[in-house]
Amino acid sequence: MKKAGDLLASFLDERVLKTARGYSELFSSWQSIAGDNIAAHSRIRELEHSVVLVEADHPGWIQILQTREKGLLDALRRRFPEQNITGISFRLSRERTELPDKEAVLSAAPEPAITGGEDTNGDPYEKIKDEHFRETLKRLEESIVLRSKGPYG
C-alpha cells in the first residue's frame, strides 16, 4: 500500500511533467507555425501571463511578424488551447545578427500583396500590389543600406 504523500508526489510530478511538455511543444512549434523564413530570424522567447514573447533579429522581421500577427495568434491558440494565449508581443533580440536578405523578406510578405508572373525587370518590389507595403519595404531597405554604411558612409 502506498502512502498518501507518495501518491500526491507522483500526481504532482505527472502534472509538472505534462506542463513542461506543453511548454516544450510550444517553443519547438515556432518553425511550423511561422514558416521557415520567419523562423530563421525569430523565436519564441517566453510565455508569460498568457502572452507569447517573440524575439526577432532585425526590426524588419518584427514588421513582417506584425503583418502576420493575427494569423500567428490564431495558429498558436488552435494548437495550444490549454495555454490560454491572449496575445503576442514582439521585441528585438539582443544578439547581433546579419542583415536580412531582401529576397527572403519579400518571400515572407503577406501573400495577397504579391502578384505573380509579371516581368519586373529585376525589381522585386514591382511584384507587390499593395502600394503602402511596397513603399514600407523600400524605406526599410534604404534604412538597412544606410546603417550598413555606418555614420561616415
N, C-alpha and C. Protein backbone atom coordinates (compact mmCIF):
# COMPACT_ATOMS: atom_id res chain seq x y z
N MET A 1 0.84 -1.18 0.00
CA MET A 1 0.00 0.00 0.00
C MET A 1 0.88 1.24 0.00
N LYS A 2 0.54 2.21 -0.87
CA LYS A 2 1.32 3.43 -0.97
C LYS A 2 0.83 4.46 0.03
N LYS A 3 1.73 5.28 0.49
CA LYS A 3 1.38 6.36 1.40
C LYS A 3 0.74 7.50 0.61
N ALA A 4 -0.07 8.28 1.29
CA ALA A 4 -0.74 9.40 0.65
C ALA A 4 0.28 10.38 0.08
N GLY A 5 1.37 10.60 0.76
CA GLY A 5 2.43 11.51 0.29
C GLY A 5 3.05 11.02 -1.00
N ASP A 6 3.24 9.70 -1.13
CA ASP A 6 3.79 9.13 -2.37
C ASP A 6 2.83 9.32 -3.53
N LEU A 7 1.54 9.09 -3.28
CA LEU A 7 0.53 9.28 -4.33
C LEU A 7 0.47 10.74 -4.77
N LEU A 8 0.49 11.63 -3.80
CA LEU A 8 0.44 13.06 -4.10
C LEU A 8 1.69 13.49 -4.88
N ALA A 9 2.85 12.99 -4.47
CA ALA A 9 4.09 13.33 -5.17
C ALA A 9 4.07 12.84 -6.61
N SER A 10 3.56 11.61 -6.82
CA SER A 10 3.52 11.10 -8.20
C SER A 10 2.52 11.88 -9.04
N PHE A 11 1.41 12.30 -8.45
CA PHE A 11 0.42 13.11 -9.16
C PHE A 11 1.01 14.47 -9.54
N LEU A 12 1.68 15.10 -8.59
CA LEU A 12 2.27 16.41 -8.87
C LEU A 12 3.39 16.30 -9.89
N ASP A 13 4.20 15.26 -9.79
CA ASP A 13 5.26 15.06 -10.78
C ASP A 13 4.68 14.92 -12.18
N GLU A 14 3.57 14.18 -12.31
CA GLU A 14 2.93 13.98 -13.62
C GLU A 14 2.39 15.31 -14.15
N ARG A 15 1.79 16.12 -13.27
CA ARG A 15 1.28 17.43 -13.70
C ARG A 15 2.41 18.34 -14.14
N VAL A 16 3.50 18.35 -13.38
CA VAL A 16 4.65 19.17 -13.74
C VAL A 16 5.23 18.70 -15.06
N LEU A 17 5.33 17.39 -15.23
CA LEU A 17 5.85 16.83 -16.47
C LEU A 17 4.96 17.20 -17.66
N LYS A 18 3.64 17.11 -17.48
CA LYS A 18 2.70 17.46 -18.56
C LYS A 18 2.81 18.95 -18.91
N THR A 19 2.93 19.81 -17.90
CA THR A 19 3.08 21.25 -18.14
C THR A 19 4.39 21.53 -18.87
N ALA A 20 5.46 20.89 -18.45
CA ALA A 20 6.76 21.08 -19.09
C ALA A 20 6.71 20.63 -20.55
N ARG A 21 6.03 19.51 -20.82
CA ARG A 21 5.88 19.03 -22.20
C ARG A 21 5.13 20.05 -23.05
N GLY A 22 4.08 20.63 -22.47
CA GLY A 22 3.29 21.64 -23.19
C GLY A 22 4.13 22.85 -23.57
N TYR A 23 4.95 23.33 -22.63
CA TYR A 23 5.83 24.47 -22.92
C TYR A 23 6.86 24.10 -23.98
N SER A 24 7.42 22.93 -23.85
CA SER A 24 8.43 22.48 -24.81
C SER A 24 7.84 22.41 -26.22
N GLU A 25 6.64 21.88 -26.34
CA GLU A 25 5.98 21.79 -27.65
C GLU A 25 5.70 23.18 -28.21
N LEU A 26 5.30 24.11 -27.35
CA LEU A 26 5.04 25.47 -27.80
C LEU A 26 6.30 26.09 -28.41
N PHE A 27 7.41 26.00 -27.69
CA PHE A 27 8.65 26.60 -28.16
C PHE A 27 9.17 25.92 -29.42
N SER A 28 9.04 24.61 -29.50
CA SER A 28 9.57 23.90 -30.66
C SER A 28 8.65 23.97 -31.87
N SER A 29 7.44 24.46 -31.70
CA SER A 29 6.48 24.53 -32.81
C SER A 29 6.64 25.79 -33.67
N TRP A 30 7.47 26.71 -33.26
CA TRP A 30 7.55 28.01 -33.93
C TRP A 30 7.81 27.89 -35.43
N GLN A 31 8.71 27.04 -35.83
CA GLN A 31 9.03 26.91 -37.26
C GLN A 31 7.81 26.46 -38.06
N SER A 32 7.07 25.50 -37.56
CA SER A 32 5.90 25.03 -38.30
C SER A 32 4.78 26.06 -38.30
N ILE A 33 4.70 26.89 -37.28
CA ILE A 33 3.65 27.91 -37.21
C ILE A 33 4.02 29.14 -38.04
N ALA A 34 5.25 29.62 -37.89
CA ALA A 34 5.66 30.86 -38.54
C ALA A 34 6.18 30.64 -39.96
N GLY A 35 6.66 29.47 -40.27
CA GLY A 35 7.26 29.21 -41.57
C GLY A 35 8.77 29.32 -41.49
N ASP A 36 9.45 28.70 -42.46
CA ASP A 36 10.90 28.62 -42.43
C ASP A 36 11.59 29.97 -42.45
N ASN A 37 11.17 30.89 -43.36
CA ASN A 37 11.84 32.19 -43.48
C ASN A 37 11.74 33.01 -42.20
N ILE A 38 10.55 33.10 -41.66
CA ILE A 38 10.36 33.90 -40.45
C ILE A 38 11.04 33.23 -39.25
N ALA A 39 10.91 31.92 -39.14
CA ALA A 39 11.51 31.21 -38.00
C ALA A 39 13.04 31.28 -38.03
N ALA A 40 13.62 31.46 -39.20
CA ALA A 40 15.08 31.59 -39.28
C ALA A 40 15.56 32.90 -38.65
N HIS A 41 14.66 33.85 -38.47
CA HIS A 41 15.03 35.17 -37.95
C HIS A 41 14.28 35.54 -36.67
N SER A 42 13.55 34.57 -36.09
CA SER A 42 12.79 34.86 -34.88
C SER A 42 12.62 33.57 -34.08
N ARG A 43 12.21 33.75 -32.83
CA ARG A 43 11.95 32.60 -31.97
C ARG A 43 11.04 33.02 -30.83
N ILE A 44 10.36 32.03 -30.28
CA ILE A 44 9.57 32.30 -29.08
C ILE A 44 10.55 32.37 -27.92
N ARG A 45 10.52 33.47 -27.22
CA ARG A 45 11.43 33.68 -26.10
C ARG A 45 10.82 33.22 -24.79
N GLU A 46 9.52 33.52 -24.59
CA GLU A 46 8.86 33.10 -23.36
C GLU A 46 7.36 33.21 -23.49
N LEU A 47 6.67 32.58 -22.57
CA LEU A 47 5.22 32.69 -22.42
C LEU A 47 4.99 33.18 -21.00
N GLU A 48 4.47 34.39 -20.90
CA GLU A 48 4.26 34.96 -19.57
C GLU A 48 2.91 35.66 -19.53
N HIS A 49 2.12 35.34 -18.52
CA HIS A 49 0.78 35.92 -18.36
C HIS A 49 -0.04 35.74 -19.63
N SER A 50 0.06 34.58 -20.24
CA SER A 50 -0.69 34.20 -21.44
C SER A 50 -0.30 34.96 -22.71
N VAL A 51 0.81 35.67 -22.67
CA VAL A 51 1.31 36.39 -23.84
C VAL A 51 2.61 35.74 -24.30
N VAL A 52 2.67 35.42 -25.59
CA VAL A 52 3.87 34.83 -26.18
C VAL A 52 4.79 35.97 -26.59
N LEU A 53 6.02 35.94 -26.10
CA LEU A 53 7.02 36.94 -26.47
C LEU A 53 7.90 36.34 -27.56
N VAL A 54 7.92 37.01 -28.71
CA VAL A 54 8.71 36.55 -29.85
C VAL A 54 9.83 37.55 -30.08
N GLU A 55 11.05 37.05 -30.18
CA GLU A 55 12.21 37.89 -30.48
C GLU A 55 12.56 37.73 -31.95
N ALA A 56 12.92 38.83 -32.58
CA ALA A 56 13.38 38.81 -33.96
C ALA A 56 14.76 39.44 -34.02
N ASP A 57 15.56 39.06 -35.02
CA ASP A 57 16.94 39.52 -35.09
C ASP A 57 17.12 40.85 -35.83
N HIS A 58 16.03 41.44 -36.32
CA HIS A 58 16.12 42.72 -37.02
C HIS A 58 14.75 43.39 -37.02
N PRO A 59 14.69 44.72 -36.94
CA PRO A 59 13.40 45.42 -36.95
C PRO A 59 12.53 45.08 -38.16
N GLY A 60 13.16 44.80 -39.30
CA GLY A 60 12.40 44.43 -40.49
C GLY A 60 11.60 43.15 -40.29
N TRP A 61 12.18 42.20 -39.56
CA TRP A 61 11.46 40.96 -39.30
C TRP A 61 10.34 41.20 -38.30
N ILE A 62 10.51 42.13 -37.40
CA ILE A 62 9.41 42.47 -36.48
C ILE A 62 8.24 43.03 -37.28
N GLN A 63 8.54 43.87 -38.28
CA GLN A 63 7.46 44.40 -39.12
C GLN A 63 6.74 43.28 -39.86
N ILE A 64 7.48 42.33 -40.38
CA ILE A 64 6.86 41.20 -41.06
C ILE A 64 5.99 40.41 -40.08
N LEU A 65 6.51 40.17 -38.87
CA LEU A 65 5.74 39.45 -37.86
C LEU A 65 4.45 40.21 -37.52
N GLN A 66 4.55 41.52 -37.41
CA GLN A 66 3.36 42.31 -37.08
C GLN A 66 2.30 42.21 -38.17
N THR A 67 2.73 42.10 -39.44
CA THR A 67 1.73 41.96 -40.51
C THR A 67 1.04 40.61 -40.44
N ARG A 68 1.66 39.64 -39.80
CA ARG A 68 1.09 38.29 -39.69
C ARG A 68 0.60 37.96 -38.29
N GLU A 69 0.54 38.96 -37.42
CA GLU A 69 0.24 38.73 -36.01
C GLU A 69 -1.07 37.97 -35.80
N LYS A 70 -2.13 38.37 -36.45
CA LYS A 70 -3.43 37.71 -36.25
C LYS A 70 -3.37 36.24 -36.63
N GLY A 71 -2.78 35.93 -37.77
CA GLY A 71 -2.69 34.54 -38.20
C GLY A 71 -1.82 33.71 -37.27
N LEU A 72 -0.72 34.30 -36.80
CA LEU A 72 0.16 33.59 -35.86
C LEU A 72 -0.57 33.32 -34.55
N LEU A 73 -1.27 34.34 -34.06
CA LEU A 73 -2.00 34.19 -32.80
C LEU A 73 -3.09 33.13 -32.94
N ASP A 74 -3.83 33.15 -34.04
CA ASP A 74 -4.86 32.14 -34.26
C ASP A 74 -4.26 30.74 -34.30
N ALA A 75 -3.13 30.58 -34.99
CA ALA A 75 -2.48 29.27 -35.08
C ALA A 75 -2.01 28.79 -33.70
N LEU A 76 -1.43 29.70 -32.91
CA LEU A 76 -0.98 29.33 -31.57
C LEU A 76 -2.16 28.92 -30.69
N ARG A 77 -3.24 29.67 -30.77
CA ARG A 77 -4.42 29.35 -29.95
C ARG A 77 -5.02 28.00 -30.33
N ARG A 78 -5.09 27.73 -31.64
CA ARG A 78 -5.64 26.44 -32.09
C ARG A 78 -4.77 25.27 -31.64
N ARG A 79 -3.47 25.45 -31.75
CA ARG A 79 -2.56 24.34 -31.46
C ARG A 79 -2.35 24.13 -29.96
N PHE A 80 -2.46 25.22 -29.18
CA PHE A 80 -2.21 25.13 -27.74
C PHE A 80 -3.34 25.77 -26.93
N PRO A 81 -4.54 25.22 -27.03
CA PRO A 81 -5.68 25.83 -26.31
C PRO A 81 -5.49 25.82 -24.80
N GLU A 82 -4.75 24.84 -24.29
CA GLU A 82 -4.54 24.74 -22.85
C GLU A 82 -3.67 25.87 -22.29
N GLN A 83 -2.96 26.58 -23.15
CA GLN A 83 -2.10 27.68 -22.71
C GLN A 83 -2.88 29.00 -22.55
N ASN A 84 -4.10 29.06 -23.05
CA ASN A 84 -4.93 30.28 -22.95
C ASN A 84 -4.18 31.52 -23.44
N ILE A 85 -3.58 31.43 -24.60
CA ILE A 85 -2.78 32.52 -25.15
C ILE A 85 -3.70 33.67 -25.54
N THR A 86 -3.39 34.86 -25.01
CA THR A 86 -4.23 36.04 -25.28
C THR A 86 -3.57 37.03 -26.23
N GLY A 87 -2.27 36.92 -26.44
CA GLY A 87 -1.61 37.87 -27.33
C GLY A 87 -0.18 37.48 -27.65
N ILE A 88 0.39 38.26 -28.58
CA ILE A 88 1.79 38.10 -28.96
C ILE A 88 2.45 39.46 -28.82
N SER A 89 3.65 39.45 -28.28
CA SER A 89 4.45 40.67 -28.17
C SER A 89 5.76 40.41 -28.91
N PHE A 90 6.26 41.43 -29.59
CA PHE A 90 7.49 41.28 -30.36
C PHE A 90 8.56 42.21 -29.80
N ARG A 91 9.79 41.74 -29.82
CA ARG A 91 10.89 42.60 -29.42
C ARG A 91 12.13 42.21 -30.21
N LEU A 92 13.05 43.15 -30.27
CA LEU A 92 14.30 42.94 -30.97
C LEU A 92 15.23 42.11 -30.09
N SER A 93 15.84 41.10 -30.68
CA SER A 93 16.78 40.27 -29.96
C SER A 93 18.01 41.08 -29.57
N ARG A 94 18.58 40.77 -28.46
CA ARG A 94 19.79 41.48 -28.02
C ARG A 94 21.03 40.96 -28.71
N GLU A 95 20.89 39.81 -29.37
CA GLU A 95 22.02 39.21 -30.07
C GLU A 95 22.15 39.84 -31.45
N ARG A 96 23.35 40.23 -31.82
CA ARG A 96 23.61 40.86 -33.12
C ARG A 96 23.68 39.78 -34.20
N THR A 97 22.97 40.01 -35.29
CA THR A 97 22.98 39.05 -36.39
C THR A 97 23.15 39.79 -37.72
N GLU A 98 23.18 39.02 -38.81
CA GLU A 98 23.33 39.60 -40.14
C GLU A 98 22.10 40.40 -40.54
N LEU A 99 22.28 41.27 -41.54
CA LEU A 99 21.15 41.99 -42.11
C LEU A 99 20.27 41.00 -42.87
N PRO A 100 18.96 41.25 -42.92
CA PRO A 100 18.09 40.32 -43.62
C PRO A 100 18.31 40.37 -45.13
N ASP A 101 18.14 39.24 -45.76
CA ASP A 101 18.23 39.13 -47.21
C ASP A 101 16.94 39.69 -47.82
N LYS A 102 17.08 40.58 -48.80
CA LYS A 102 15.92 41.24 -49.41
C LYS A 102 14.94 40.22 -49.99
N GLU A 103 15.43 39.21 -50.67
CA GLU A 103 14.56 38.21 -51.28
C GLU A 103 13.81 37.41 -50.22
N ALA A 104 14.48 37.11 -49.10
CA ALA A 104 13.81 36.37 -48.02
C ALA A 104 12.70 37.21 -47.40
N VAL A 105 12.94 38.51 -47.23
CA VAL A 105 11.91 39.40 -46.69
C VAL A 105 10.73 39.44 -47.64
N LEU A 106 11.00 39.57 -48.93
CA LEU A 106 9.91 39.62 -49.90
C LEU A 106 9.12 38.33 -49.94
N SER A 107 9.80 37.20 -49.78
CA SER A 107 9.09 35.93 -49.81
C SER A 107 8.25 35.73 -48.56
N ALA A 108 8.56 36.47 -47.49
CA ALA A 108 7.78 36.38 -46.26
C ALA A 108 6.66 37.40 -46.21
N ALA A 109 6.52 38.22 -47.26
CA ALA A 109 5.47 39.24 -47.31
C ALA A 109 4.10 38.57 -47.32
N PRO A 110 3.08 39.25 -46.84
CA PRO A 110 1.74 38.68 -46.87
C PRO A 110 1.38 38.26 -48.29
N GLU A 111 0.86 37.06 -48.46
CA GLU A 111 0.62 36.50 -49.78
C GLU A 111 -0.26 37.35 -50.68
N PRO A 112 -1.35 37.95 -50.19
CA PRO A 112 -2.19 38.71 -51.11
C PRO A 112 -1.50 39.93 -51.70
N ALA A 113 -0.40 40.38 -51.10
CA ALA A 113 0.27 41.58 -51.57
C ALA A 113 1.15 41.33 -52.77
N ILE A 114 1.40 40.07 -53.12
CA ILE A 114 2.34 39.78 -54.20
C ILE A 114 1.59 39.19 -55.37
N THR A 115 1.86 39.74 -56.55
CA THR A 115 1.26 39.21 -57.76
C THR A 115 2.22 38.22 -58.37
N GLY A 116 1.83 37.54 -59.36
CA GLY A 116 2.73 36.56 -59.95
C GLY A 116 2.82 36.74 -61.45
N GLY A 117 3.95 36.33 -62.00
CA GLY A 117 4.08 36.21 -63.43
C GLY A 117 4.48 37.44 -64.20
N GLU A 118 4.39 38.63 -63.66
CA GLU A 118 4.74 39.79 -64.45
C GLU A 118 6.24 39.95 -64.57
N ASP A 119 6.69 40.60 -65.63
CA ASP A 119 8.11 40.90 -65.80
C ASP A 119 8.42 42.11 -64.95
N THR A 120 9.40 41.99 -64.06
CA THR A 120 9.70 43.08 -63.13
C THR A 120 11.01 43.77 -63.45
N ASN A 121 11.65 43.37 -64.54
CA ASN A 121 12.94 43.98 -64.93
C ASN A 121 13.93 43.97 -63.77
N GLY A 122 13.91 42.90 -62.97
CA GLY A 122 14.87 42.76 -61.89
C GLY A 122 14.51 43.50 -60.62
N ASP A 123 13.39 44.21 -60.57
CA ASP A 123 12.97 44.93 -59.37
C ASP A 123 11.91 44.12 -58.64
N PRO A 124 12.28 43.42 -57.56
CA PRO A 124 11.31 42.56 -56.88
C PRO A 124 10.16 43.33 -56.26
N TYR A 125 10.31 44.62 -56.02
CA TYR A 125 9.24 45.41 -55.43
C TYR A 125 8.06 45.58 -56.37
N GLU A 126 8.29 45.46 -57.66
CA GLU A 126 7.21 45.63 -58.61
C GLU A 126 6.17 44.51 -58.51
N LYS A 127 6.52 43.40 -57.88
CA LYS A 127 5.59 42.29 -57.70
C LYS A 127 4.54 42.60 -56.64
N ILE A 128 4.78 43.60 -55.82
CA ILE A 128 3.92 43.88 -54.67
C ILE A 128 2.80 44.82 -55.09
N LYS A 129 1.56 44.34 -54.99
CA LYS A 129 0.41 45.15 -55.40
C LYS A 129 0.09 46.24 -54.38
N ASP A 130 0.22 45.95 -53.11
CA ASP A 130 -0.12 46.90 -52.05
C ASP A 130 0.92 48.01 -52.02
N GLU A 131 0.53 49.20 -52.47
CA GLU A 131 1.48 50.33 -52.58
C GLU A 131 2.09 50.70 -51.24
N HIS A 132 1.29 50.73 -50.19
CA HIS A 132 1.79 51.09 -48.86
C HIS A 132 2.86 50.10 -48.40
N PHE A 133 2.58 48.81 -48.57
CA PHE A 133 3.54 47.79 -48.17
C PHE A 133 4.81 47.88 -49.01
N ARG A 134 4.66 48.11 -50.31
CA ARG A 134 5.81 48.24 -51.21
C ARG A 134 6.70 49.41 -50.78
N GLU A 135 6.10 50.55 -50.48
CA GLU A 135 6.88 51.72 -50.06
C GLU A 135 7.54 51.49 -48.70
N THR A 136 6.84 50.79 -47.80
CA THR A 136 7.43 50.46 -46.49
C THR A 136 8.67 49.60 -46.66
N LEU A 137 8.59 48.60 -47.53
CA LEU A 137 9.76 47.74 -47.76
C LEU A 137 10.91 48.51 -48.40
N LYS A 138 10.61 49.42 -49.30
CA LYS A 138 11.67 50.23 -49.93
C LYS A 138 12.36 51.10 -48.89
N ARG A 139 11.57 51.74 -48.01
CA ARG A 139 12.16 52.56 -46.95
C ARG A 139 13.00 51.71 -46.00
N LEU A 140 12.51 50.51 -45.70
CA LEU A 140 13.26 49.60 -44.85
C LEU A 140 14.60 49.25 -45.49
N GLU A 141 14.59 48.96 -46.77
CA GLU A 141 15.85 48.63 -47.46
C GLU A 141 16.81 49.82 -47.42
N GLU A 142 16.30 51.03 -47.68
CA GLU A 142 17.16 52.22 -47.63
C GLU A 142 17.77 52.39 -46.24
N SER A 143 16.96 52.16 -45.21
CA SER A 143 17.46 52.27 -43.84
C SER A 143 18.55 51.25 -43.56
N ILE A 144 18.36 50.04 -44.04
CA ILE A 144 19.35 48.98 -43.84
C ILE A 144 20.65 49.33 -44.55
N VAL A 145 20.54 49.82 -45.77
CA VAL A 145 21.73 50.19 -46.54
C VAL A 145 22.48 51.30 -45.82
N LEU A 146 21.76 52.32 -45.36
CA LEU A 146 22.40 53.43 -44.65
C LEU A 146 23.07 52.96 -43.36
N ARG A 147 22.41 52.07 -42.61
CA ARG A 147 23.01 51.55 -41.38
C ARG A 147 24.27 50.75 -41.67
N SER A 148 24.22 49.97 -42.73
CA SER A 148 25.39 49.12 -43.03
C SER A 148 26.58 49.93 -43.47
N LYS A 149 26.35 51.14 -43.99
CA LYS A 149 27.45 52.00 -44.40
C LYS A 149 28.10 52.70 -43.20
N GLY A 150 27.37 52.81 -42.12
CA GLY A 150 27.89 53.46 -40.93
C GLY A 150 27.77 54.96 -41.03
N PRO A 151 28.18 55.69 -39.98
CA PRO A 151 27.98 57.14 -39.93
C PRO A 151 28.86 57.92 -40.93
N TYR A 152 29.90 57.29 -41.46
CA TYR A 152 30.80 58.01 -42.35
C TYR A 152 30.67 57.51 -43.78
N GLY A 153 29.63 56.73 -44.04
CA GLY A 153 29.30 56.09 -45.20
C GLY A 153 29.69 56.13 -46.52
